[in-house]
Amino acid sequence: MALRKILLAALMAVCMVCPSFADPVDDLLAYYVGRFGVERGEIIVDALPDETGLFSDIYMSLKGLVVEDLRIDNVTVRMKGVQFNAPSNWKDGNVECLSAISVQAVASIFEDDINNAIKAKTFGDGREEWHDLSLKIEPSGLSGRGYYNAKAGIIDLDILIEITSGLRIVKGKELWLKDPQVKINRLDLPDYVTKKALSEIQPLVNLNDFPLPLSLHKVELKKGSAVLSTRILPQPFSDGMRYSYTK
């Protein structure tokens, strides 16, 4: 009995002196939560990464993240054969996704969040810029209106521009107007002014700062929202190790 007490005391002393080793997936989730202000996050892995940061299969769902001042309702990604930098860096916030064999992804964006973002953002060069810009998303397409303040010599024009348009994905991470039809309140407005005004608000959504190898392929319009996705949608797997965060 005395020997057992001695061994137990020794074990407790070792536990107090030696630091506990955090699960690297906890550090990975904490990085995305911290960088993008995530409201709710989940990661599922089939196994822990090796010492180089290689996962064979990882599923990630991030709810309510902010990229370039735009709230995105959800980004869900499943990646296979994905190589990050070494996990020893992750706790310090140094996370890099270097490559992946395959990536399936979907991102959902609400009309209200786009409008909140463009209210707080200036489109233009200071001399010619938009104000009171708003967008509406329907299954048939996007409609928008706003005032474009332009200089024509010594004349200061405040032009009401109304747009109907489709949406398209550019470079796998950007959402642009597609074949916009423009209605203006001045019939004699030069074409170059209209083209310049439209160029100021492109792209509508930019995910280039999102540090995962997304390459989105299609956009589906719903009432009040747009869904960007790869050809195959990501699906979670039930037999993996699950990590979660709620704000």
Protein backbone atom coordinates (compact mmCIF):
# COMPACT_ATOMS: atom_id res chain seq x y z
CA MET A 1 0.00 0.00 0.00
CA ALA A 2 2.85 2.38 0.88
CA LEU A 3 4.53 1.67 -2.47
CA ARG A 4 1.26 2.43 -4.33
CA LYS A 5 0.98 5.80 -2.53
CA ILE A 6 4.56 6.66 -3.43
CA LEU A 7 4.02 5.82 -7.13
CA LEU A 8 0.76 7.80 -7.20
CA ALA A 9 2.43 10.83 -5.66
CA ALA A 10 5.28 10.60 -8.17
CA LEU A 11 2.82 10.42 -11.08
CA MET A 12 0.94 13.49 -9.82
CA ALA A 13 4.22 15.40 -9.52
CA VAL A 14 5.15 14.55 -13.11
CA CYS A 15 1.73 15.68 -14.35
CA MET A 16 2.12 19.01 -12.55
CA VAL A 17 5.59 19.66 -13.97
CA CYS A 18 5.17 18.43 -17.55
CA PRO A 19 2.95 20.50 -19.91
CA SER A 20 -0.04 18.85 -21.58
CA PHE A 21 0.14 18.52 -25.34
CA ALA A 22 -2.78 20.19 -27.14
CA ASP A 23 -4.45 18.44 -30.02
CA PRO A 24 -3.21 20.22 -33.19
CA VAL A 25 -6.72 20.17 -34.71
CA ASP A 26 -7.86 22.33 -31.78
CA ASP A 27 -5.17 24.83 -32.80
CA LEU A 28 -6.28 24.66 -36.44
CA LEU A 29 -9.91 25.38 -35.55
CA ALA A 30 -8.85 28.19 -33.19
CA TYR A 31 -6.90 29.80 -36.04
CA TYR A 32 -9.91 29.99 -38.38
CA VAL A 33 -12.22 31.11 -35.56
CA GLY A 34 -9.84 33.90 -34.59
CA ARG A 35 -8.94 35.09 -38.05
CA PHE A 36 -12.50 35.29 -39.41
CA GLY A 37 -14.58 35.91 -36.26
CA VAL A 38 -16.44 32.64 -36.79
CA GLU A 39 -19.77 32.29 -34.97
CA ARG A 40 -19.78 28.49 -35.07
CA GLY A 41 -17.20 26.07 -36.41
CA GLU A 42 -16.71 22.34 -36.85
CA ILE A 43 -13.85 20.21 -38.10
CA ILE A 44 -13.98 16.45 -38.69
CA VAL A 45 -10.84 14.46 -39.47
CA ASP A 46 -10.31 10.77 -40.09
CA ALA A 47 -6.99 10.94 -38.22
CA LEU A 48 -4.61 13.46 -36.70
CA PRO A 49 -2.13 15.05 -39.12
CA ASP A 50 1.41 13.76 -39.34
CA GLU A 51 4.35 15.93 -38.24
CA THR A 52 4.43 17.70 -41.63
CA GLY A 53 0.75 18.75 -41.43
CA LEU A 54 -0.68 16.22 -43.87
CA PHE A 55 -4.35 15.19 -43.48
CA SER A 56 -5.74 12.33 -45.52
CA ASP A 57 -9.34 13.62 -45.14
CA ILE A 58 -10.73 16.73 -43.42
CA TYR A 59 -14.19 18.32 -43.32
CA MET A 60 -14.59 21.91 -42.16
CA SER A 61 -17.76 23.98 -41.68
CA LEU A 62 -17.50 27.64 -40.63
CA LYS A 63 -20.67 29.58 -39.85
CA GLY A 64 -20.91 33.37 -39.83
CA LEU A 65 -17.37 34.28 -40.89
CA VAL A 66 -16.23 37.69 -42.13
CA VAL A 67 -14.00 38.05 -45.21
CA GLU A 68 -13.09 41.56 -46.41
CA ASP A 69 -15.86 43.11 -44.25
CA LEU A 70 -18.48 40.80 -45.79
CA ARG A 71 -20.29 38.33 -43.54
CA ILE A 72 -20.58 34.95 -45.24
CA ASP A 73 -23.29 32.78 -43.75
CA ASN A 74 -21.44 29.52 -44.22
CA VAL A 75 -18.35 28.05 -45.86
CA THR A 76 -18.12 24.26 -45.90
CA VAL A 77 -15.10 22.44 -47.31
CA ARG A 78 -14.00 18.83 -47.58
CA MET A 79 -10.41 18.20 -48.65
CA LYS A 80 -8.49 15.00 -49.27
CA GLY A 81 -4.73 14.66 -49.29
CA VAL A 82 -4.38 18.20 -47.93
CA GLN A 83 -0.98 19.49 -46.90
CA PHE A 84 -0.67 22.24 -44.29
CA ASN A 85 2.54 23.54 -42.81
CA ALA A 86 3.87 21.77 -39.72
CA PRO A 87 1.39 21.62 -36.78
CA SER A 88 4.10 22.93 -34.44
CA ASN A 89 3.41 26.37 -35.96
CA TRP A 90 -0.36 26.39 -35.56
CA LYS A 91 -0.59 27.34 -31.90
CA ASP A 92 1.14 30.63 -32.72
CA GLY A 93 -1.38 31.39 -35.46
CA ASN A 94 0.96 30.46 -38.30
CA VAL A 95 -1.25 28.27 -40.49
CA GLU A 96 -0.76 27.69 -44.22
CA CYS A 97 -2.73 25.37 -46.46
CA LEU A 98 -0.19 24.45 -49.12
CA SER A 99 -1.98 21.99 -51.41
CA ALA A 100 -4.78 19.44 -51.70
CA ILE A 101 -5.46 16.51 -53.98
CA SER A 102 -9.21 17.25 -54.08
CA VAL A 103 -11.42 20.02 -52.72
CA GLN A 104 -15.21 20.14 -52.46
CA ALA A 105 -16.72 23.37 -51.20
CA VAL A 106 -19.89 25.44 -50.88
CA ALA A 107 -20.40 29.01 -49.64
CA SER A 108 -23.73 30.69 -48.84
CA ILE A 109 -24.10 34.48 -48.86
CA PHE A 110 -27.19 36.44 -47.87
CA GLU A 111 -28.48 39.52 -49.67
CA ASP A 112 -28.74 41.38 -46.34
CA ASP A 113 -25.07 40.74 -45.55
CA ILE A 114 -23.99 42.02 -48.97
CA ASN A 115 -26.05 45.17 -48.47
CA ASN A 116 -24.62 45.71 -44.99
CA ALA A 117 -21.11 45.41 -46.42
CA ILE A 118 -21.62 47.82 -49.32
CA LYS A 119 -23.22 50.42 -47.05
CA ALA A 120 -19.98 50.60 -45.09
CA LYS A 121 -17.68 50.49 -48.13
CA THR A 122 -16.70 53.19 -50.60
CA PHE A 123 -16.73 52.26 -54.28
CA GLY A 124 -14.79 54.73 -56.39
CA ASP A 125 -11.67 56.85 -56.46
CA GLY A 126 -12.87 59.75 -54.33
CA ARG A 127 -13.78 61.92 -57.30
CA GLU A 128 -16.30 59.52 -58.81
CA GLU A 129 -18.03 57.10 -56.48
CA TRP A 130 -21.25 55.26 -55.58
CA HIS A 131 -23.60 56.03 -52.73
CA ASP A 132 -26.92 54.58 -51.52
CA LEU A 133 -26.14 51.33 -53.34
CA SER A 134 -28.36 48.30 -52.67
CA LEU A 135 -28.80 44.85 -54.21
CA LYS A 136 -31.64 42.35 -54.33
CA ILE A 137 -31.19 38.64 -55.18
CA GLU A 138 -33.95 36.57 -56.77
CA PRO A 139 -33.87 33.15 -58.50
CA SER A 140 -34.17 35.01 -61.83
CA GLY A 141 -31.15 37.20 -61.16
CA LEU A 142 -29.84 40.21 -59.33
CA SER A 143 -31.23 43.73 -59.34
CA GLY A 144 -29.53 46.75 -57.90
CA ARG A 145 -29.71 50.49 -57.78
CA GLY A 146 -27.55 53.30 -56.56
CA TYR A 147 -26.36 56.79 -57.26
CA TYR A 148 -23.08 57.34 -59.03
CA ASN A 149 -21.47 60.71 -58.52
CA ALA A 150 -19.41 61.56 -61.61
CA LYS A 151 -17.51 64.60 -62.83
CA ALA A 152 -18.11 65.81 -66.39
CA GLY A 153 -15.83 68.81 -66.76
CA ILE A 154 -17.05 71.37 -64.25
CA ILE A 155 -20.42 69.63 -63.92
CA ASP A 156 -21.09 67.35 -60.95
CA LEU A 157 -23.52 64.60 -61.96
CA ASP A 158 -25.40 62.45 -59.46
CA ILE A 159 -26.68 59.64 -61.66
CA LEU A 160 -29.31 57.10 -60.65
CA ILE A 161 -28.23 53.74 -62.10
CA GLU A 162 -30.47 50.66 -61.98
CA ILE A 163 -29.02 47.27 -62.85
CA THR A 164 -30.46 43.85 -63.65
CA SER A 165 -27.91 41.09 -64.06
CA GLY A 166 -26.96 37.48 -63.68
CA LEU A 167 -23.98 36.43 -61.57
CA ARG A 168 -20.87 34.49 -62.54
CA ILE A 169 -17.82 33.09 -60.79
CA VAL A 170 -14.42 34.39 -61.87
CA LYS A 171 -11.07 32.77 -60.94
CA GLY A 172 -12.89 30.32 -58.67
CA LYS A 173 -13.19 32.83 -55.81
CA GLU A 174 -14.90 35.98 -57.12
CA LEU A 175 -18.57 36.76 -57.80
CA TRP A 176 -19.12 39.18 -60.72
CA LEU A 177 -22.08 40.67 -62.54
CA LYS A 178 -22.96 38.70 -65.68
CA ASP A 179 -24.37 40.53 -68.74
CA PRO A 180 -25.65 43.52 -66.75
CA GLN A 181 -28.50 45.56 -68.20
CA VAL A 182 -28.32 49.18 -67.14
CA LYS A 183 -31.02 51.84 -66.88
CA ILE A 184 -29.98 55.42 -66.20
CA ASN A 185 -31.83 58.64 -65.53
CA ARG A 186 -29.93 60.58 -68.20
CA LEU A 187 -30.39 59.44 -71.79
CA ASP A 188 -27.32 61.28 -73.06
CA LEU A 189 -24.85 59.73 -70.60
CA PRO A 190 -21.66 58.58 -72.39
CA ASP A 191 -21.08 54.81 -72.44
CA TYR A 192 -17.66 55.15 -70.86
CA VAL A 193 -19.21 56.66 -67.72
CA THR A 194 -21.57 53.67 -67.34
CA LYS A 195 -18.73 51.20 -67.92
CA LYS A 196 -16.53 52.95 -65.37
CA ALA A 197 -19.37 52.97 -62.83
CA LEU A 198 -19.92 49.21 -63.22
CA SER A 199 -16.21 48.47 -62.99
CA GLU A 200 -16.10 50.17 -59.58
CA ILE A 201 -18.34 47.52 -57.96
CA GLN A 202 -16.69 44.44 -59.48
CA PRO A 203 -16.26 41.91 -57.98
CA LEU A 204 -19.30 41.90 -55.72
CA VAL A 205 -17.80 39.14 -53.56
CA ASN A 206 -14.10 38.38 -53.23
CA LEU A 207 -12.88 35.24 -51.43
CA ASN A 208 -9.23 35.54 -52.46
CA ASP A 209 -8.25 36.25 -48.86
CA PHE A 210 -9.81 32.98 -47.64
CA PRO A 211 -6.75 30.76 -47.08
CA LEU A 212 -8.01 27.46 -48.46
CA PRO A 213 -7.59 26.21 -52.05
CA LEU A 214 -11.17 26.90 -53.17
CA SER A 215 -12.06 26.72 -56.84
CA LEU A 216 -15.80 27.33 -57.03
CA HIS A 217 -17.58 26.40 -60.22
CA LYS A 218 -21.25 27.42 -60.14
CA VAL A 219 -23.58 29.91 -58.51
CA GLU A 220 -27.21 29.20 -57.60
CA LEU A 221 -29.51 32.13 -56.90
CA LYS A 222 -32.30 31.86 -54.36
CA LYS A 223 -34.63 34.43 -52.91
CA GLY A 224 -32.37 36.58 -50.78
CA SER A 225 -29.19 34.54 -51.14
CA ALA A 226 -26.53 33.15 -53.47
CA VAL A 227 -24.84 29.75 -53.14
CA LEU A 228 -21.38 29.24 -54.68
CA SER A 229 -20.09 25.70 -54.97
CA THR A 230 -17.82 23.19 -56.64
CA ARG A 231 -19.34 20.57 -58.96
CA ILE A 232 -19.59 18.09 -56.05
CA LEU A 233 -20.87 19.32 -52.69
CA PRO A 234 -18.91 18.50 -49.52
CA GLN A 235 -20.42 15.92 -47.19
CA PRO A 236 -19.39 15.24 -43.58
CA PHE A 237 -18.33 11.76 -42.49
CA SER A 238 -19.71 10.17 -39.33
CA ASP A 239 -16.79 7.99 -38.25
CA GLY A 240 -14.16 10.70 -37.77
CA MET A 241 -12.82 12.75 -34.88
CA ARG A 242 -15.05 15.78 -34.35
CA TYR A 243 -14.08 19.23 -33.06
CA SER A 244 -16.51 22.11 -32.58
CA TYR A 245 -16.71 25.74 -31.47
CA THR A 246 -19.69 27.98 -30.67
CA LYS A 247 -19.29 31.68 -29.98
